[in-house]
Protein backbone atom coordinates (compact mmCIF):
# COMPACT_ATOMS: atom_id res chain seq x y z
CA MET A 1 0.00 0.00 0.00
CA LYS A 2 1.25 3.45 -0.91
CA VAL A 3 1.03 6.15 1.74
CA VAL A 4 1.59 9.93 1.67
CA ILE A 5 2.14 12.12 4.73
CA ILE A 6 1.11 15.79 4.47
CA GLU A 7 2.49 17.67 7.47
CA ASP A 8 4.10 21.12 7.60
CA GLU A 9 6.16 20.34 10.72
CA LYS A 10 8.98 18.14 9.45
CA PRO A 11 9.89 16.66 12.88
CA ALA A 12 6.24 15.64 13.33
CA ALA A 13 6.23 14.11 9.83
CA ARG A 14 9.38 12.07 10.59
CA ARG A 15 7.95 10.92 13.93
CA LEU A 16 4.77 9.74 12.22
CA GLN A 17 6.85 7.96 9.58
CA ARG A 18 8.72 6.08 12.34
CA MET A 19 5.43 5.16 14.03
CA LEU A 20 4.03 3.80 10.78
CA ALA A 21 7.09 1.67 10.06
CA VAL A 22 5.73 -1.11 12.32
CA PHE A 23 2.66 -1.46 10.06
CA ASN A 24 4.71 -2.16 6.90
CA LEU A 25 3.24 0.84 5.11
CA ASN A 26 5.23 2.23 2.19
CA ILE A 27 5.65 5.99 2.69
CA THR A 28 5.70 7.18 -0.91
CA GLN A 29 6.09 10.89 -0.22
CA MET A 30 6.13 13.49 2.55
CA LEU A 31 4.60 16.86 1.61
CA HIS A 32 4.65 20.04 3.67
CA SER A 33 2.26 22.63 2.18
CA VAL A 34 -1.01 23.04 0.27
CA GLU A 35 0.80 24.22 -2.86
CA GLU A 36 3.33 21.39 -2.78
CA ALA A 37 0.55 18.83 -2.28
CA ILE A 38 -1.55 20.15 -5.17
CA ASN A 39 1.43 20.05 -7.53
CA TRP A 40 2.36 16.53 -6.43
CA PHE A 41 -1.15 15.11 -6.79
CA GLN A 42 -1.49 16.66 -10.25
CA GLN A 43 1.63 14.88 -11.46
CA ASN A 44 1.64 11.55 -9.62
CA GLU A 45 -0.50 8.48 -9.10
CA HIS A 46 -2.57 8.96 -5.97
CA PRO A 47 -1.73 6.78 -2.94
CA ASP A 48 -3.98 4.34 -1.12
CA LEU A 49 -3.85 6.35 2.11
CA ILE A 50 -3.03 9.92 3.18
CA PHE A 51 -2.06 11.03 6.68
CA LEU A 52 -3.15 14.64 6.62
CA ASP A 53 -2.56 17.58 8.94
CA ILE A 54 -5.24 20.26 8.56
CA GLN A 55 -3.50 23.57 9.27
CA LEU A 56 -0.51 23.77 6.94
CA SER A 57 1.96 26.62 6.51
CA ASP A 58 0.10 28.16 3.56
CA GLY A 59 -3.51 27.37 4.42
CA LEU A 60 -5.97 24.61 5.32
CA SER A 61 -5.41 21.23 3.69
CA PHE A 62 -9.07 21.19 2.56
CA GLU A 63 -7.92 23.57 -0.21
CA ILE A 64 -6.07 20.64 -1.80
CA PHE A 65 -9.35 18.86 -2.54
CA GLU A 66 -10.82 22.00 -4.11
CA GLU A 67 -8.11 21.81 -6.79
CA VAL A 68 -7.53 18.08 -7.19
CA PRO A 69 -10.12 15.25 -7.08
CA VAL A 70 -8.27 13.05 -4.59
CA LYS A 71 -9.85 9.62 -4.05
CA SER A 72 -7.36 8.27 -1.51
CA ALA A 73 -8.48 7.29 1.98
CA ILE A 74 -7.54 9.88 4.63
CA ILE A 75 -6.53 9.71 8.28
CA PHE A 76 -6.44 13.23 9.71
CA THR A 77 -3.67 14.11 12.18
CA THR A 78 -4.24 17.53 13.71
CA ALA A 79 -4.07 19.54 16.91
CA TYR A 80 -7.51 21.03 16.29
CA ASP A 81 -10.85 19.29 16.84
CA GLU A 82 -13.13 21.92 15.27
CA TYR A 83 -12.63 20.56 11.73
CA ALA A 84 -13.88 17.04 12.47
CA LEU A 85 -17.29 17.47 10.79
CA LYS A 86 -15.80 18.90 7.60
CA ALA A 87 -13.13 16.20 7.60
CA PHE A 88 -15.64 13.36 7.67
CA LYS A 89 -17.33 14.69 4.54
CA LEU A 90 -14.20 13.57 2.69
CA ASN A 91 -12.86 10.01 2.38
CA SER A 92 -12.02 10.02 6.06
CA ILE A 93 -11.04 6.88 7.96
CA ASP A 94 -10.24 8.52 11.30
CA TYR A 95 -9.49 11.85 12.99
CA LEU A 96 -6.49 11.70 15.33
CA LEU A 97 -5.58 14.56 17.64
CA LYS A 98 -1.93 15.44 18.29
CA PRO A 99 0.15 14.26 19.97
CA ILE A 100 -0.63 11.04 18.13
CA ASP A 101 -1.27 8.12 20.45
CA GLU A 102 0.26 4.83 19.27
CA ASP A 103 -2.79 2.76 20.18
CA GLU A 104 -5.17 5.17 18.41
CA LEU A 105 -2.91 5.13 15.36
CA LYS A 106 -2.96 1.33 15.33
CA VAL A 107 -6.76 1.29 15.47
CA ALA A 108 -6.98 3.81 12.60
CA VAL A 109 -4.58 1.82 10.39
CA GLU A 110 -6.42 -1.44 11.10
CA LYS A 111 -9.71 0.27 10.29
CA PHE A 112 -8.25 1.37 6.94
CA LYS A 113 -6.95 -2.12 6.14
CA GLU A 114 -10.32 -3.69 6.97
CA GLN A 115 -11.99 -1.44 4.41
CA GLN A 116 -9.64 -2.47 1.61
CA PRO A 117 -10.96 -5.07 -0.85
CA GLN A 118 -9.32 -8.48 -0.63
CA LYS A 119 -6.96 -8.94 -3.57
CA THR A 120 -7.22 -12.08 -5.70
CA ASP A 121 -5.43 -13.26 -8.80
CA LEU A 122 -8.36 -12.02 -10.86
CA GLN A 123 -9.38 -8.45 -10.11
CA VAL A 124 -12.92 -7.73 -11.28
CA ASN A 125 -13.97 -4.14 -11.95
CA ILE A 126 -17.77 -3.96 -12.07
CA ASP A 127 -17.74 -0.60 -13.88
CA ASP A 128 -15.53 -2.03 -16.64
CA ILE A 129 -17.83 -5.01 -17.05
CA ARG A 130 -20.85 -2.72 -17.23
CA LYS A 131 -19.21 -0.64 -19.95
CA LEU A 132 -18.36 -3.76 -21.94
CA LEU A 133 -21.93 -5.03 -21.74
CA ILE A 134 -23.41 -1.77 -22.97
CA ASN A 135 -23.33 -1.61 -26.74
CA PRO A 136 -22.35 1.99 -27.66
CA ILE A 137 -24.79 1.86 -30.55
CA ASP A 138 -27.65 1.18 -28.15
CA ARG A 139 -26.54 3.67 -25.49
CA LYS A 140 -29.04 6.51 -25.23
CA TYR A 141 -27.54 9.79 -24.09
CA LYS A 142 -29.38 12.85 -22.87
CA LYS A 143 -30.79 14.81 -25.83
CA ARG A 144 -32.76 17.63 -24.22
CA PHE A 145 -33.54 19.36 -20.94
CA THR A 146 -36.78 20.84 -19.65
CA ILE A 147 -36.17 24.00 -17.63
CA LYS A 148 -38.82 25.86 -15.65
CA VAL A 149 -38.61 29.61 -16.33
CA GLY A 150 -41.22 31.45 -14.28
CA GLN A 151 -44.57 29.94 -15.24
CA HIS A 152 -43.15 28.44 -18.44
CA ILE A 153 -41.28 25.26 -19.25
CA LYS A 154 -38.45 25.70 -21.75
CA ILE A 155 -37.03 22.83 -23.80
CA ILE A 156 -33.29 23.06 -24.42
CA HIS A 157 -31.61 20.60 -26.77
CA THR A 158 -28.05 19.51 -26.05
CA ASP A 159 -26.76 21.03 -29.28
CA GLU A 160 -27.86 24.43 -27.88
CA ILE A 161 -25.69 24.01 -24.77
CA GLU A 162 -22.20 25.51 -24.65
CA CYS A 163 -21.23 24.18 -21.25
CA PHE A 164 -22.29 22.81 -17.90
CA TYR A 165 -20.70 24.42 -14.85
CA SER A 166 -20.90 24.30 -11.08
CA GLU A 167 -21.02 27.37 -8.88
CA ASN A 168 -21.73 27.68 -5.15
CA LYS A 169 -22.61 23.96 -4.97
CA ALA A 170 -25.21 24.34 -7.75
CA THR A 171 -25.13 23.15 -11.36
CA TYR A 172 -25.99 25.26 -14.42
CA ILE A 173 -26.18 24.95 -18.18
CA HIS A 174 -25.13 27.83 -20.40
CA THR A 175 -26.68 28.02 -23.87
CA ASN A 176 -25.44 29.50 -27.12
CA GLY A 177 -28.09 32.17 -26.60
CA ASN A 178 -25.91 33.45 -23.74
CA ARG A 179 -28.31 32.36 -20.98
CA SER A 180 -27.62 30.25 -17.91
CA TYR A 181 -30.19 27.99 -16.25
CA LEU A 182 -30.11 26.13 -12.93
CA ILE A 183 -30.51 22.34 -13.23
CA ASP A 184 -30.69 19.41 -10.82
CA ASN A 185 -27.89 16.95 -10.02
CA SER A 186 -24.11 17.31 -10.09
CA LEU A 187 -21.59 17.54 -12.90
CA GLU A 188 -20.54 13.98 -12.07
CA TYR A 189 -24.09 12.80 -12.76
CA TRP A 190 -24.42 14.67 -16.06
CA GLU A 191 -20.99 13.57 -17.23
CA GLU A 192 -22.36 10.03 -17.37
CA GLN A 193 -25.56 11.09 -19.19
CA LEU A 194 -23.96 13.13 -21.99
CA ASP A 195 -22.60 11.92 -25.32
CA PRO A 196 -18.79 11.79 -24.87
CA GLU A 197 -18.28 12.66 -28.52
CA GLN A 198 -19.99 16.00 -27.94
CA PHE A 199 -19.15 16.82 -24.31
CA PHE A 200 -15.91 16.70 -22.30
CA ARG A 201 -15.23 17.29 -18.59
CA VAL A 202 -12.27 19.71 -18.70
CA ASN A 203 -11.93 20.19 -14.91
CA ARG A 204 -13.89 19.91 -11.67
CA THR A 205 -16.12 22.86 -12.64
CA PHE A 206 -16.84 22.64 -16.38
CA ILE A 207 -18.14 20.27 -19.04
CA VAL A 208 -17.94 21.82 -22.53
CA HIS A 209 -19.57 21.09 -25.90
CA ILE A 210 -17.17 20.54 -28.80
CA ASN A 211 -19.02 23.04 -31.01
CA ALA A 212 -18.89 25.76 -28.33
CA ILE A 213 -15.10 26.07 -28.40
CA LYS A 214 -14.05 29.25 -30.19
CA ASP A 215 -10.36 29.25 -29.29
CA ILE A 216 -7.77 27.18 -27.39
CA VAL A 217 -4.86 29.02 -25.79
CA SER A 218 -1.72 27.67 -24.11
CA TYR A 219 -1.83 28.37 -20.38
CA THR A 220 0.58 28.09 -17.46
CA ASN A 221 1.82 24.73 -16.12
CA SER A 222 1.16 22.92 -19.42
CA ARG A 223 -2.57 23.58 -19.21
CA LEU A 224 -4.98 24.96 -21.82
CA GLN A 225 -7.47 27.82 -21.66
CA LEU A 226 -10.72 27.56 -23.61
CA LYS A 227 -12.67 30.45 -25.11
CA LEU A 228 -16.33 29.73 -25.82
CA HIS A 229 -18.62 31.64 -28.17
CA THR A 230 -20.74 33.35 -25.49
CA TYR A 231 -19.74 32.16 -21.98
CA GLU A 232 -17.38 34.72 -20.42
CA GLU A 233 -18.21 34.61 -16.71
CA SER A 234 -14.96 32.94 -15.65
CA GLU A 235 -11.87 31.29 -17.10
CA ILE A 236 -12.22 27.74 -18.39
CA ILE A 237 -8.93 25.92 -17.88
CA VAL A 238 -8.29 22.33 -18.94
CA SER A 239 -6.62 20.79 -15.89
CA ARG A 240 -3.16 19.35 -16.44
CA GLU A 241 -4.21 15.74 -15.85
CA ARG A 242 -6.97 16.07 -18.50
CA VAL A 243 -4.96 17.84 -21.23
CA LYS A 244 -3.87 14.64 -22.98
CA ASP A 245 -7.40 13.20 -23.08
CA PHE A 246 -8.77 16.58 -24.19
CA LYS A 247 -6.37 16.70 -27.14
CA ASN A 248 -7.41 13.19 -28.13
CA TRP A 249 -11.07 14.22 -27.82
CA ILE A 250 -10.80 17.21 -30.17
CA ASP A 251 -8.63 15.36 -32.69
């Protein structure tokens, strides 16, 4: 199992590393700030488990998950108990208060190991099987949306949509008529319902239509910036980990 420690106090990080040595956990990396963690997660395969301090030198570690969709399990190690509720909304295994108690650490690690699937010679991925069983020819993607506007119901076809975007925990569609409408469900839900030949998830906030792209501009850190025909409310940046797939998509 691969493990990452995110802790701004290097002596505390080394102490935790020594404590974890008895559990035969492979410490892949030790990170010390929000910025360093974001850069590392954007460029490396995510670990099985993260030991995560909350208050880092350049901000709260929750900011990491606002920039990178991290799916690793997390054991929080912090001197503050007021973040427990927010922590458990993530992939949290346990919430350990400093100074870390060896017995509590052991319980947390065992809890993590118990939640891991048992490995066999043949690993079966249900999602992969489902995708193989669905004939792409027979797959029916979302073709239109019904939106309530005042006392009226408006029908919007997918070829009228420039992008889907999330804002303040809500999801919107923006049309080529330069109008935005609130819709139900998350971007993750709609990503599965939309035709992947027409729509692409460029980052955590935007799904764009291929015909809506007016210009593609090189951006910092090997990313790309998209210009759409009418949407101009905020920048649309193709995240670094999605750039390769995006280029294949538009080709």
